[in-house]
C-alpha atoms as a PDB file:
ATOM      1  CA  MET A   1      10.844  50.360  -6.270  1.00  0.00           C
ATOM      2  CA  THR A   2       7.602  49.040  -6.605  1.00  0.00           C
ATOM      3  CA  ASP A   3       8.644  46.020  -9.337  1.00  0.00           C
ATOM      4  CA  LYS A   4      10.454  44.749  -6.164  1.00  0.00           C
ATOM      5  CA  LYS A   5       7.451  45.034  -4.297  1.00  0.00           C
ATOM      6  CA  GLY A   6       5.148  43.353  -6.643  1.00  0.00           C
ATOM      7  CA  ASP A   7       7.703  40.305  -6.962  1.00  0.00           C
ATOM      8  CA  THR A   8       7.730  40.221  -3.204  1.00  0.00           C
ATOM      9  CA  ILE A   9       4.392  39.514  -2.892  1.00  0.00           C
ATOM     10  CA  ALA A  10       4.156  37.254  -5.578  1.00  0.00           C
ATOM     11  CA  SER A  11       6.700  35.138  -4.544  1.00  0.00           C
ATOM     12  CA  SER A  12       4.947  35.193  -0.944  1.00  0.00           C
ATOM     13  CA  THR A  13       1.299  34.827  -3.199  1.00  0.00           C
ATOM     14  CA  THR A  14       2.997  31.172  -4.485  1.00  0.00           C
ATOM     15  CA  SER A  15       5.247  29.861  -1.221  1.00  0.00           C
ATOM     16  CA  ASN A  16       1.692  30.427   0.723  1.00  0.00           C
ATOM     17  CA  SER A  17      -0.123  28.662  -1.974  1.00  0.00           C
ATOM     18  CA  LYS A  18       2.491  25.350  -2.197  1.00  0.00           C
ATOM     19  CA  ASN A  19       2.091  25.488   1.732  1.00  0.00           C
ATOM     20  CA  THR A  20      -1.301  25.336   2.017  1.00  0.00           C
ATOM     21  CA  PRO A  21      -2.243  22.188   3.762  1.00  0.00           C
ATOM     22  CA  LYS A  22      -4.153  19.487   2.354  1.00  0.00           C
ATOM     23  CA  LYS A  23      -8.067  18.956   3.529  1.00  0.00           C
ATOM     24  CA  ALA A  24     -10.908  16.707   3.173  1.00  0.00           C
ATOM     25  CA  ASN A  25     -13.746  15.959   4.427  1.00  0.00           C
ATOM     26  CA  LEU A  26     -14.077  13.956   7.644  1.00  0.00           C
ATOM     27  CA  LEU A  27     -17.307  12.710   6.854  1.00  0.00           C
ATOM     28  CA  ASP A  28     -17.031  11.767   3.347  1.00  0.00           C
ATOM     29  CA  HIS A  29     -15.674   8.724   2.405  1.00  0.00           C
ATOM     30  CA  HIS A  30     -14.579   9.110  -0.916  1.00  0.00           C
ATOM     31  CA  SER A  31     -13.054  12.944  -0.116  1.00  0.00           C
ATOM     32  CA  ILE A  32     -10.511  11.205   2.133  1.00  0.00           C
ATOM     33  CA  LYS A  33      -9.560   8.569  -0.753  1.00  0.00           C
ATOM     34  CA  HIS A  34      -9.567  11.164  -3.463  1.00  0.00           C
ATOM     35  CA  LEU A  35      -7.201  13.062  -0.955  1.00  0.00           C
ATOM     36  CA  LEU A  36      -4.776  10.062  -0.145  1.00  0.00           C
ATOM     37  CA  ASP A  37      -4.858   9.029  -3.836  1.00  0.00           C
ATOM     38  CA  GLU A  38      -3.504  12.263  -5.093  1.00  0.00           C
ATOM     39  CA  SER A  39      -0.986  12.629  -2.312  1.00  0.00           C
ATOM     40  CA  VAL A  40       0.733   8.664  -3.410  1.00  0.00           C
ATOM     41  CA  THR A  41       0.647   9.483  -6.754  1.00  0.00           C
ATOM     42  CA  GLU A  42       2.364  12.981  -6.267  1.00  0.00           C
ATOM     43  CA  ILE A  43       5.094  10.831  -3.598  1.00  0.00           C
ATOM     44  CA  VAL A  44       5.426   7.702  -6.441  1.00  0.00           C
ATOM     45  CA  THR A  45       5.774   9.980  -9.168  1.00  0.00           C
ATOM     46  CA  GLY A  46       8.496  12.046  -7.157  1.00  0.00           C
ATOM     47  CA  LYS A  47      10.928   9.016  -6.512  1.00  0.00           C
ATOM     48  CA  GLY A  48      11.116   8.896  -9.962  1.00  0.00           C
ATOM     49  CA  PHE A  49       8.165   6.529 -11.631  1.00  0.00           C
ATOM     50  CA  ILE A  50       6.700   8.402 -14.858  1.00  0.00           C
ATOM     51  CA  GLU A  51       3.049   7.836 -15.188  1.00  0.00           C
ATOM     52  CA  ASP A  52       1.830   5.670 -17.842  1.00  0.00           C
ATOM     53  CA  VAL A  53      -1.515   7.403 -19.216  1.00  0.00           C
ATOM     54  CA  ARG A  54      -1.977   4.915 -22.241  1.00  0.00           C
ATOM     55  CA  MET A  55      -4.530   3.051 -20.095  1.00  0.00           C
ATOM     56  CA  SER A  56      -6.222   6.377 -19.150  1.00  0.00           C
ATOM     57  CA  ASN A  57      -6.232   7.383 -22.653  1.00  0.00           C
ATOM     58  CA  VAL A  58      -7.602   4.313 -24.216  1.00  0.00           C
ATOM     59  CA  ARG A  59     -10.485   4.989 -21.846  1.00  0.00           C
ATOM     60  CA  LEU A  60     -11.139   8.431 -22.423  1.00  0.00           C
ATOM     61  CA  LEU A  61     -11.109   7.242 -26.239  1.00  0.00           C
ATOM     62  CA  MET A  62     -13.173   4.790 -25.902  1.00  0.00           C
ATOM     63  CA  GLY A  63     -16.029   7.273 -23.832  1.00  0.00           C
ATOM     64  CA  SER A  64     -15.557   9.585 -26.498  1.00  0.00           C
ATOM     65  CA  ILE A  65     -16.424   6.988 -29.480  1.00  0.00           C
ATOM     66  CA  ILE A  66     -20.015   6.397 -27.128  1.00  0.00           C
ATOM     67  CA  ILE A  67     -20.444   9.791 -27.008  1.00  0.00           C
ATOM     68  CA  ILE A  68     -20.338   9.972 -30.175  1.00  0.00           C
ATOM     69  CA  ILE A  69     -22.597   7.218 -31.389  1.00  0.00           C
ATOM     70  CA  ALA A  70     -25.070   8.389 -29.017  1.00  0.00           C
ATOM     71  CA  LEU A  71     -25.114  11.684 -30.812  1.00  0.00           C
ATOM     72  CA  PHE A  72     -25.143  10.137 -34.095  1.00  0.00           C
ATOM     73  CA  ALA A  73     -28.237   8.791 -32.846  1.00  0.00           C
ATOM     74  CA  GLN A  74     -29.745  11.679 -31.545  1.00  0.00           C
ATOM     75  CA  PHE A  75     -29.504  14.020 -34.651  1.00  0.00           C
ATOM     76  CA  TYR A  76     -29.540  12.043 -36.930  1.00  0.00           C
ATOM     77  CA  ASN A  77     -31.642  13.795 -39.846  1.00  0.00           C
ATOM     78  CA  LYS A  78     -34.164  11.511 -40.060  1.00  0.00           C
ATOM     79  CA  LYS A  79     -37.047  11.137 -38.360  1.00  0.00           C
ATOM     80  CA  PHE A  80     -38.750   7.313 -37.050  1.00  0.00           C
ATOM     81  CA  PRO A  81     -39.131   5.360 -37.994  1.00  0.00           C
ATOM     82  CA  GLU A  82     -37.312   6.013 -40.880  1.00  0.00           C
ATOM     83  CA  ASN A  83     -34.114   6.115 -38.757  1.00  0.00           C
ATOM     84  CA  ARG A  84     -35.543   2.483 -36.978  1.00  0.00           C
ATOM     85  CA  ASN A  85     -32.174   0.526 -38.512  1.00  0.00           C
ATOM     86  CA  PHE A  86     -30.071   3.219 -37.503  1.00  0.00           C
ATOM     87  CA  LEU A  87     -31.066   3.880 -34.076  1.00  0.00           C
ATOM     88  CA  ILE A  88     -30.534  -0.093 -33.788  1.00  0.00           C
ATOM     89  CA  GLY A  89     -27.509   0.068 -34.908  1.00  0.00           C
ATOM     90  CA  CYS A  90     -25.984   2.724 -32.499  1.00  0.00           C
ATOM     91  CA  ILE A  91     -28.191   1.158 -29.952  1.00  0.00           C
ATOM     92  CA  VAL A  92     -26.134  -2.119 -30.487  1.00  0.00           C
ATOM     93  CA  LEU A  93     -22.769  -0.331 -30.957  1.00  0.00           C
ATOM     94  CA  TYR A  94     -23.442   1.469 -27.874  1.00  0.00           C
ATOM     95  CA  ILE A  95     -23.841  -1.250 -25.641  1.00  0.00           C
ATOM     96  CA  LEU A  96     -21.028  -3.386 -27.272  1.00  0.00           C
ATOM     97  CA  PHE A  97     -18.775  -0.434 -26.453  1.00  0.00           C
ATOM     98  CA  ASN A  98     -19.872   0.946 -23.450  1.00  0.00           C
ATOM     99  CA  GLY A  99     -19.647  -3.108 -22.432  1.00  0.00           C
ATOM    100  CA  ILE A 100     -15.863  -3.600 -23.748  1.00  0.00           C
ATOM    101  CA  LEU A 101     -15.150   0.066 -21.543  1.00  0.00           C
ATOM    102  CA  GLN A 102     -16.778  -2.046 -18.401  1.00  0.00           C
ATOM    103  CA  LEU A 103     -14.224  -4.869 -19.025  1.00  0.00           C
ATOM    104  CA  ILE A 104     -11.730  -3.018 -19.309  1.00  0.00           C
ATOM    105  CA  ILE A 105     -12.281  -1.022 -15.592  1.00  0.00           C
ATOM    106  CA  HIS A 106     -13.350  -3.876 -13.915  1.00  0.00           C
ATOM    107  CA  THR A 107     -10.005  -6.481 -15.571  1.00  0.00           C
ATOM    108  CA  LYS A 108      -7.359  -3.898 -15.879  1.00  0.00           C
ATOM    109  CA  GLU A 109      -8.368  -1.272 -14.047  1.00  0.00           C
ATOM    110  CA  LYS A 110      -9.804  -2.561 -10.783  1.00  0.00           C
ATOM    111  CA  ASN A 111      -8.542  -0.360  -7.698  1.00  0.00           C
ATOM    112  CA  ALA A 112      -5.349   1.326  -9.671  1.00  0.00           C
ATOM    113  CA  ILE A 113      -4.927   4.751  -9.126  1.00  0.00           C
ATOM    114  CA  LEU A 114      -1.634   5.150 -11.172  1.00  0.00           C
ATOM    115  CA  PHE A 115       0.176   2.879 -13.622  1.00  0.00           C
ATOM    116  CA  THR A 116       3.879   4.613 -13.936  1.00  0.00           C
ATOM    117  CA  HIS A 117       6.585   3.071 -16.647  1.00  0.00           C
ATOM    118  CA  PRO A 118       9.902   1.572 -14.939  1.00  0.00           C
ATOM    119  CA  PRO A 119      12.299   4.557 -13.450  1.00  0.00           C
ATOM    120  CA  ALA A 120      14.888   5.776 -16.436  1.00  0.00           C
ATOM    121  CA  GLU A 121      17.728   4.281 -14.735  1.00  0.00           C
ATOM    122  CA  SER A 122      16.166   0.386 -13.846  1.00  0.00           C
ATOM    123  CA  PHE A 123      16.917  -2.591 -15.751  1.00  0.00           C
ATOM    124  CA  SER A 124      12.983  -3.761 -14.848  1.00  0.00           C
ATOM    125  CA  SER A 125      11.258  -4.107 -18.128  1.00  0.00           C
ATOM    126  CA  THR A 126       7.743  -3.458 -15.910  1.00  0.00           C
ATOM    127  CA  GLY A 127       6.438  -0.599 -14.247  1.00  0.00           C
ATOM    128  CA  LEU A 128       4.209  -0.205 -11.175  1.00  0.00           C
ATOM    129  CA  VAL A 129       0.362  -0.555 -10.573  1.00  0.00           C
ATOM    130  CA  VAL A 130      -0.128   1.365  -7.371  1.00  0.00           C
ATOM    131  CA  SER A 131      -3.625   0.524  -5.921  1.00  0.00           C
ATOM    132  CA  SER A 132      -6.167   1.374  -3.132  1.00  0.00           C
ATOM    133  CA  LYS A 133      -8.944   0.323  -1.233  1.00  0.00           C
ATOM    134  CA  LEU A 134     -10.939   2.312   1.148  1.00  0.00           C
ATOM    135  CA  PRO A 135     -14.011   0.460   1.975  1.00  0.00           C
ATOM    136  CA  ARG A 136     -16.821   2.895   2.924  1.00  0.00           C
ATOM    137  CA  PHE A 137     -17.737   3.224   6.491  1.00  0.00           C
ATOM    138  CA  SER A 138     -14.341   1.554   6.950  1.00  0.00           C
ATOM    139  CA  ASP A 139     -11.345   3.444   7.984  1.00  0.00           C
ATOM    140  CA  MET A 140      -8.760   1.028   7.074  1.00  0.00           C
ATOM    141  CA  TYR A 141      -7.069   1.981   3.755  1.00  0.00           C
ATOM    142  CA  THR A 142      -5.294  -0.320   2.126  1.00  0.00           C
ATOM    143  CA  LEU A 143      -2.469   0.644  -0.832  1.00  0.00           C
ATOM    144  CA  THR A 144      -0.868  -1.637  -2.942  1.00  0.00           C
ATOM    145  CA  ILE A 145       2.424  -1.520  -5.196  1.00  0.00           C
ATOM    146  CA  ALA A 146       2.824  -4.758  -7.895  1.00  0.00           C
ATOM    147  CA  SER A 147       4.430  -4.890 -11.368  1.00  0.00           C
ATOM    148  CA  ALA A 148       2.230  -3.485 -13.872  1.00  0.00           C
ATOM    149  CA  ASP A 149       3.258  -6.225 -16.165  1.00  0.00           C
ATOM    150  CA  PRO A 150       2.518  -9.675 -13.535  1.00  0.00           C
ATOM    151  CA  ASP A 151       3.617 -12.505 -16.275  1.00  0.00           C
ATOM    152  CA  SER A 152       6.615 -10.733 -17.274  1.00  0.00           C
ATOM    153  CA  ILE A 153       9.698 -12.157 -16.050  1.00  0.00           C
ATOM    154  CA  SER A 154      11.032  -8.968 -14.422  1.00  0.00           C
ATOM    155  CA  ALA A 155       7.919  -9.029 -12.181  1.00  0.00           C
ATOM    156  CA  LYS A 156       8.275  -8.244  -8.500  1.00  0.00           C
ATOM    157  CA  PRO A 157       6.218  -9.659  -5.114  1.00  0.00           C
ATOM    158  CA  GLN A 158       3.639  -6.832  -4.492  1.00  0.00           C
ATOM    159  CA  VAL A 159       4.037  -5.215  -1.260  1.00  0.00           C
ATOM    160  CA  GLU A 160       1.210  -3.602   0.583  1.00  0.00           C
ATOM    161  CA  PHE A 161       0.145  -1.866   3.819  1.00  0.00           C
ATOM    162  CA  THR A 162      -3.330  -1.674   5.543  1.00  0.00           C
ATOM    163  CA  LYS A 163      -3.654   1.678   8.057  1.00  0.00           C
ATOM    164  CA  SER A 164      -6.669   3.660   9.769  1.00  0.00           C
ATOM    165  CA  VAL A 165      -6.879   6.687   8.152  1.00  0.00           C
ATOM    166  CA  THR A 166      -7.113   8.363  11.328  1.00  0.00           C
ATOM    167  CA  GLN A 167      -3.203   8.318  12.047  1.00  0.00           C
ATOM    168  CA  TRP A 168      -2.985  10.921   9.163  1.00  0.00           C
ATOM    169  CA  PHE A 169      -5.411  13.308   9.615  1.00  0.00           C
ATOM    170  CA  THR A 170      -6.213  16.057  12.215  1.00  0.00           C
ATOM    171  CA  LYS A 171      -9.737  16.310  14.040  1.00  0.00           C
ATOM    172  CA  ASP A 172     -10.128  19.505  11.449  1.00  0.00           C
ATOM    173  CA  GLY A 173      -9.580  16.746   8.234  1.00  0.00           C
ATOM    174  CA  VAL A 174      -5.947  18.269   7.475  1.00  0.00           C
ATOM    175  CA  LEU A 175      -3.486  15.736   5.926  1.00  0.00           C
ATOM    176  CA  VAL A 176      -0.477  15.142   8.323  1.00  0.00           C
ATOM    177  CA  GLU A 177       1.759  14.933   5.173  1.00  0.00           C
ATOM    178  CA  GLY A 178       5.253  13.989   6.677  1.00  0.00           C
ATOM    179  CA  MET A 179       3.354  11.220   8.164  1.00  0.00           C
ATOM    180  CA  PHE A 180       1.363   9.896   5.518  1.00  0.00           C
ATOM    181  CA  TRP A 181       4.813  10.459   2.834  1.00  0.00           C
ATOM    182  CA  LYS A 182       6.955   8.343   5.252  1.00  0.00           C
ATOM    183  CA  ASP A 183       4.362   5.087   4.887  1.00  0.00           C
ATOM    184  CA  VAL A 184       4.422   5.594   1.454  1.00  0.00           C
ATOM    185  CA  GLU A 185       7.734   6.032   0.833  1.00  0.00           C
ATOM    186  CA  GLY A 186       8.677   3.106   2.993  1.00  0.00           C
ATOM    187  CA  LEU A 187       6.476   0.855   0.638  1.00  0.00           C
ATOM    188  CA  VAL A 188       7.865   2.095  -2.689  1.00  0.00           C
ATOM    189  CA  ASN A 189      11.667   1.402  -0.886  1.00  0.00           C
ATOM    190  CA  GLU A 190      10.114  -1.082   0.481  1.00  0.00           C
ATOM    191  CA  TYR A 191       9.121  -3.209  -2.912  1.00  0.00           C
ATOM    192  CA  THR A 192      12.857  -1.492  -4.273  1.00  0.00           C
ATOM    193  CA  ARG A 193      14.244  -4.471  -2.056  1.00  0.00           C
ATOM    194  CA  GLU A 194      12.291  -6.684  -2.987  1.00  0.00           C
ATOM    195  CA  SER A 195      12.760  -5.922  -6.568  1.00  0.00           C
ATOM    196  CA  LYS A 196      16.541  -6.026  -5.277  1.00  0.00           C
ATOM    197  CA  LYS A 197      16.244  -9.345  -3.326  1.00  0.00           C
ATOM    198  CA  SER A 198      15.076 -11.407  -6.632  1.00  0.00           C
ATOM    199  CA  LYS A 199      17.509 -10.398  -8.975  1.00  0.00           C
END
């Protein structure tokens, strides 16, 4: 009897956690964008697109190398000025790798929030790049879906929408998931239709 009650409570708790509304601070631009971007990722991956984490892994690797260089410079067992050449080398490497990291962010990632592989059942050789913009002091959210490899023969025309975030949130900052899901899913379907037209 006790086990059944425990199971009921556990299942009820799980159900409540799943139904917990998503909420953002409407006075915080970053809070709104983060919540929308997170929801977009859930919707797109729920449509069968598998996230491609290679770019994230490269960025993490570069960040780790930069941290290791800084740690070597900090804890090298010789003191200044004996470690002068070593410190100069560390500074040069730090600037170099940090520059490469920033280059990757600005040229590859830009406003991207999600990279994907093509769906398993697709004949396309490229995945998606999903990007978003929400300018500061603006309520207009732009979501763009494009091919991950624009130079590929199977690359498709990008699609996008720009809408006010006010239609997706209640006055208390709760995301109206049904409305937002419908808009994002519609954009994904539009991209898919463009893919079929161009074949």
